[in-house]
N, C-alpha and C. Protein backbone atom coordinates (compact mmCIF):
# COMPACT_ATOMS: atom_id res chain seq x y z
N MET A 1 46.16 -50.17 -6.96
CA MET A 1 47.14 -49.28 -7.43
C MET A 1 47.48 -48.12 -6.42
N THR A 2 48.52 -47.61 -6.61
CA THR A 2 48.80 -46.42 -5.92
C THR A 2 48.23 -45.05 -6.50
N ARG A 3 48.14 -43.97 -5.74
CA ARG A 3 47.69 -42.85 -6.34
C ARG A 3 48.46 -42.38 -7.56
N GLN A 4 49.86 -42.57 -7.49
CA GLN A 4 50.69 -42.28 -8.54
C GLN A 4 50.52 -43.07 -9.80
N GLN A 5 50.38 -44.37 -9.58
CA GLN A 5 50.04 -45.19 -10.71
C GLN A 5 48.55 -44.89 -11.47
N VAL A 6 47.62 -44.57 -10.62
CA VAL A 6 46.56 -44.04 -11.29
C VAL A 6 46.76 -42.67 -12.12
N LEU A 7 47.39 -41.88 -11.59
CA LEU A 7 47.59 -40.68 -12.25
C LEU A 7 48.45 -40.98 -13.50
N ASP A 8 49.54 -41.82 -13.46
CA ASP A 8 50.25 -42.24 -14.56
C ASP A 8 49.36 -42.85 -15.63
N LEU A 9 48.46 -43.68 -15.28
CA LEU A 9 47.65 -44.50 -16.27
C LEU A 9 46.64 -43.55 -16.82
N TYR A 10 45.93 -42.76 -16.13
CA TYR A 10 44.55 -42.15 -16.54
C TYR A 10 44.72 -40.74 -16.67
N PHE A 11 45.76 -39.99 -16.34
CA PHE A 11 45.81 -38.43 -16.39
C PHE A 11 45.42 -37.87 -17.69
N MET A 12 46.31 -38.43 -18.61
CA MET A 12 46.18 -37.81 -20.00
C MET A 12 44.52 -38.02 -20.58
N GLU A 13 43.94 -39.09 -20.37
CA GLU A 13 42.71 -39.38 -20.83
C GLU A 13 41.72 -38.34 -20.01
N ALA A 14 42.01 -38.12 -18.83
CA ALA A 14 41.13 -37.33 -18.09
C ALA A 14 41.31 -35.81 -18.44
N ARG A 15 42.62 -35.57 -18.73
CA ARG A 15 42.87 -34.09 -19.21
C ARG A 15 42.27 -33.90 -20.62
N ALA A 16 42.33 -34.81 -21.47
CA ALA A 16 41.68 -34.66 -22.76
C ALA A 16 40.19 -34.53 -22.66
N LYS A 17 39.54 -35.30 -21.76
CA LYS A 17 38.07 -35.11 -21.52
C LYS A 17 37.69 -33.68 -20.87
N MET A 18 38.62 -33.25 -20.11
CA MET A 18 38.40 -31.88 -19.55
C MET A 18 38.42 -30.81 -20.59
N ILE A 19 39.41 -30.96 -21.41
CA ILE A 19 39.60 -29.93 -22.45
C ILE A 19 38.43 -29.96 -23.37
N ASP A 20 37.89 -31.16 -23.73
CA ASP A 20 36.69 -31.33 -24.57
C ASP A 20 35.60 -30.76 -24.01
N LEU A 21 35.26 -31.00 -22.80
CA LEU A 21 34.11 -30.41 -22.11
C LEU A 21 34.23 -28.86 -22.04
N ALA A 22 35.43 -28.31 -21.79
CA ALA A 22 35.59 -26.72 -21.82
C ALA A 22 35.35 -26.26 -23.13
N ALA A 23 35.72 -26.94 -24.27
CA ALA A 23 35.62 -26.57 -25.47
C ALA A 23 34.09 -26.45 -25.85
N PHE A 24 33.31 -27.61 -25.49
CA PHE A 24 31.91 -27.64 -25.76
C PHE A 24 31.15 -26.55 -25.04
N LEU A 25 31.57 -26.30 -23.81
CA LEU A 25 30.86 -25.08 -23.00
C LEU A 25 31.10 -23.89 -23.69
N ASP A 26 32.49 -23.56 -24.24
CA ASP A 26 32.79 -22.30 -24.96
C ASP A 26 31.85 -22.29 -26.11
N ARG A 27 31.64 -23.46 -26.92
CA ARG A 27 30.76 -23.41 -28.14
C ARG A 27 29.46 -22.95 -27.77
N VAL A 28 28.84 -23.63 -26.73
CA VAL A 28 27.49 -23.36 -26.22
C VAL A 28 27.29 -21.84 -25.86
N GLU A 29 28.22 -21.29 -25.12
CA GLU A 29 28.21 -19.90 -24.70
C GLU A 29 28.31 -18.89 -25.89
N ARG A 30 28.98 -19.30 -26.88
CA ARG A 30 29.19 -18.40 -27.95
C ARG A 30 27.90 -18.46 -28.96
N ALA A 31 27.22 -19.52 -28.88
CA ALA A 31 26.01 -19.71 -29.78
C ALA A 31 24.93 -18.77 -29.40
N GLU A 32 24.07 -18.43 -30.38
CA GLU A 32 23.04 -17.63 -30.17
C GLU A 32 21.74 -18.42 -29.64
N GLY A 33 20.72 -17.79 -29.03
CA GLY A 33 19.50 -18.48 -28.72
C GLY A 33 19.53 -18.90 -27.23
N GLU A 34 18.56 -19.45 -26.78
CA GLU A 34 18.42 -19.79 -25.36
C GLU A 34 18.79 -21.45 -25.22
N ALA A 35 19.35 -21.65 -24.22
CA ALA A 35 19.75 -22.94 -23.84
C ALA A 35 18.47 -23.71 -23.34
N ASP A 36 18.62 -25.07 -23.21
CA ASP A 36 17.45 -25.77 -22.61
C ASP A 36 17.95 -26.37 -21.24
N PHE A 37 17.20 -27.31 -20.77
CA PHE A 37 17.33 -27.91 -19.44
C PHE A 37 18.66 -28.62 -19.47
N ARG A 38 19.17 -29.05 -20.60
CA ARG A 38 20.47 -29.90 -20.55
C ARG A 38 21.53 -29.18 -20.12
N LEU A 39 21.68 -27.86 -20.44
CA LEU A 39 22.84 -27.09 -20.01
C LEU A 39 23.00 -26.85 -18.51
N GLN A 40 21.65 -26.63 -17.95
CA GLN A 40 21.40 -26.47 -16.53
C GLN A 40 21.95 -27.71 -15.83
N ALA A 41 21.37 -28.93 -16.42
CA ALA A 41 21.71 -30.23 -15.83
C ALA A 41 23.29 -30.47 -15.80
N LEU A 42 23.93 -30.11 -16.92
CA LEU A 42 25.38 -30.30 -16.92
C LEU A 42 26.05 -29.39 -15.91
N ARG A 43 25.62 -28.21 -15.79
CA ARG A 43 26.30 -27.34 -14.87
C ARG A 43 26.09 -27.93 -13.34
N GLU A 44 24.89 -28.52 -13.06
CA GLU A 44 24.71 -29.16 -11.77
C GLU A 44 25.56 -30.27 -11.66
N ALA A 45 25.78 -31.02 -12.76
CA ALA A 45 26.78 -32.23 -12.56
C ALA A 45 28.09 -31.74 -12.37
N LEU A 46 28.46 -30.65 -13.03
CA LEU A 46 29.94 -30.11 -12.66
C LEU A 46 30.04 -29.80 -11.19
N LYS A 47 29.03 -29.24 -10.56
CA LYS A 47 29.21 -29.03 -9.16
C LYS A 47 29.48 -30.11 -8.36
N GLU A 48 28.86 -31.28 -8.70
CA GLU A 48 29.14 -32.60 -8.05
C GLU A 48 30.68 -32.96 -8.17
N LEU A 49 31.15 -32.70 -9.46
CA LEU A 49 32.65 -32.85 -9.52
C LEU A 49 33.41 -32.11 -8.63
N HIS A 50 32.96 -30.86 -8.36
CA HIS A 50 33.77 -29.82 -7.59
C HIS A 50 33.65 -30.10 -6.16
N ALA A 51 32.45 -30.67 -5.67
CA ALA A 51 32.27 -30.88 -4.32
C ALA A 51 33.16 -31.66 -3.60
N GLY A 52 33.96 -32.62 -4.21
CA GLY A 52 35.08 -33.24 -3.66
C GLY A 52 34.58 -34.45 -2.80
N ASN A 53 33.32 -34.87 -3.02
CA ASN A 53 32.94 -36.22 -2.48
C ASN A 53 33.56 -37.45 -3.08
N SER A 54 33.65 -38.48 -2.30
CA SER A 54 34.34 -39.79 -2.92
C SER A 54 33.41 -40.46 -3.92
N ASP A 55 32.22 -40.21 -3.97
CA ASP A 55 31.38 -41.02 -4.82
C ASP A 55 30.90 -40.09 -6.06
N ARG A 56 31.82 -39.36 -6.60
CA ARG A 56 31.56 -38.37 -7.60
C ARG A 56 30.67 -38.95 -8.77
N ALA A 57 31.25 -40.11 -9.30
CA ALA A 57 30.73 -40.81 -10.48
C ALA A 57 29.07 -40.90 -10.29
N LYS A 58 28.78 -41.65 -9.01
CA LYS A 58 27.44 -41.83 -8.78
C LYS A 58 26.64 -40.62 -8.60
N ARG A 59 27.16 -39.52 -8.08
CA ARG A 59 26.45 -38.23 -7.85
C ARG A 59 26.21 -37.60 -9.07
N VAL A 60 27.24 -37.64 -10.02
CA VAL A 60 27.08 -36.99 -11.43
C VAL A 60 25.97 -37.72 -12.19
N LEU A 61 26.06 -39.01 -12.11
CA LEU A 61 24.94 -39.82 -12.93
C LEU A 61 23.62 -39.52 -12.37
N LEU A 62 23.47 -39.59 -10.92
CA LEU A 62 22.12 -39.30 -10.30
C LEU A 62 21.61 -37.85 -10.65
N SER A 63 22.58 -36.87 -10.75
CA SER A 63 22.23 -35.62 -11.03
C SER A 63 21.57 -35.46 -12.48
N LEU A 64 21.91 -36.31 -13.29
CA LEU A 64 21.51 -36.15 -14.73
C LEU A 64 20.32 -37.29 -14.96
N SER A 65 19.95 -38.04 -13.95
CA SER A 65 18.99 -39.09 -14.03
C SER A 65 17.60 -38.63 -13.69
N ASP A 66 16.71 -39.36 -14.11
CA ASP A 66 15.16 -39.19 -13.82
C ASP A 66 14.99 -39.76 -12.38
N PRO A 67 14.69 -39.09 -11.48
CA PRO A 67 14.43 -39.61 -10.13
C PRO A 67 13.23 -40.26 -9.79
N THR A 68 12.34 -40.10 -10.80
CA THR A 68 10.86 -40.59 -10.60
C THR A 68 10.90 -42.11 -10.62
N THR A 69 9.85 -42.67 -9.87
CA THR A 69 9.73 -44.12 -9.88
C THR A 69 8.48 -44.63 -10.60
N GLU A 70 7.58 -43.62 -10.88
CA GLU A 70 6.39 -44.19 -11.56
C GLU A 70 6.53 -44.08 -13.07
N PRO A 71 6.34 -45.21 -13.83
CA PRO A 71 6.38 -45.28 -15.20
C PRO A 71 5.45 -44.27 -15.82
N ILE A 72 5.95 -43.81 -16.99
CA ILE A 72 4.97 -42.88 -17.68
C ILE A 72 4.15 -43.66 -18.73
N PRO A 73 3.00 -43.15 -19.12
CA PRO A 73 2.15 -44.19 -19.99
C PRO A 73 2.71 -44.43 -21.37
N ALA A 74 3.37 -43.36 -21.92
CA ALA A 74 4.05 -43.54 -23.25
C ALA A 74 5.20 -42.60 -23.36
N ALA A 75 6.18 -43.14 -24.16
CA ALA A 75 7.28 -42.16 -24.42
C ALA A 75 6.91 -40.99 -25.25
N THR A 76 7.42 -39.82 -25.03
CA THR A 76 7.17 -38.45 -25.49
C THR A 76 8.05 -38.11 -26.66
N THR A 77 9.16 -38.82 -26.66
CA THR A 77 10.12 -38.58 -27.71
C THR A 77 10.79 -39.81 -28.38
N LYS A 78 11.40 -39.73 -29.39
CA LYS A 78 12.03 -40.98 -29.93
C LYS A 78 13.48 -41.20 -29.49
N ALA A 79 14.10 -40.19 -28.79
CA ALA A 79 15.46 -40.35 -28.39
C ALA A 79 15.63 -39.83 -27.01
N ALA A 80 16.77 -40.31 -26.49
CA ALA A 80 16.99 -40.03 -25.00
C ALA A 80 17.73 -38.57 -25.16
N THR A 81 17.64 -37.79 -24.15
CA THR A 81 18.23 -36.43 -24.04
C THR A 81 19.34 -36.39 -23.22
N GLY A 82 19.71 -37.41 -22.43
CA GLY A 82 20.94 -37.43 -21.50
C GLY A 82 20.73 -36.64 -20.32
N ALA A 83 19.55 -36.06 -20.01
CA ALA A 83 19.39 -35.23 -18.70
C ALA A 83 17.90 -35.20 -18.45
N TRP A 84 17.56 -35.18 -17.13
CA TRP A 84 16.15 -35.20 -16.84
C TRP A 84 15.66 -33.66 -16.95
N PRO A 85 14.65 -33.38 -17.50
CA PRO A 85 14.17 -32.05 -17.67
C PRO A 85 13.35 -31.47 -16.47
N GLY A 86 13.09 -32.39 -15.50
CA GLY A 86 12.39 -31.93 -14.33
C GLY A 86 13.34 -31.50 -13.19
N THR A 87 12.77 -31.30 -11.94
CA THR A 87 13.73 -30.76 -10.93
C THR A 87 13.26 -31.66 -9.72
N THR A 88 14.25 -31.81 -8.89
CA THR A 88 13.93 -32.62 -7.59
C THR A 88 14.03 -31.67 -6.36
N LYS A 89 14.20 -30.41 -6.73
CA LYS A 89 14.35 -29.43 -5.59
C LYS A 89 13.07 -28.62 -5.30
């Protein structure tokens, strides 16, 4: 597809997702209390979007993923959190 065709086909969907994300961040920032690691992870992932690299999807996914390779002995929670609470820096 041409760039114009991609824009014609997917722009409105991407626009809606962007507005959804902005609304979510507005709600988080208006709420009281401290944020946890997920907000920081999301902000780091947003930096990957802004960086302008051609492999944005991969970089965003990796920024939210657990980079460790050793298995843990047992799960510590019953549900996924969607972001890794540790740091690779």
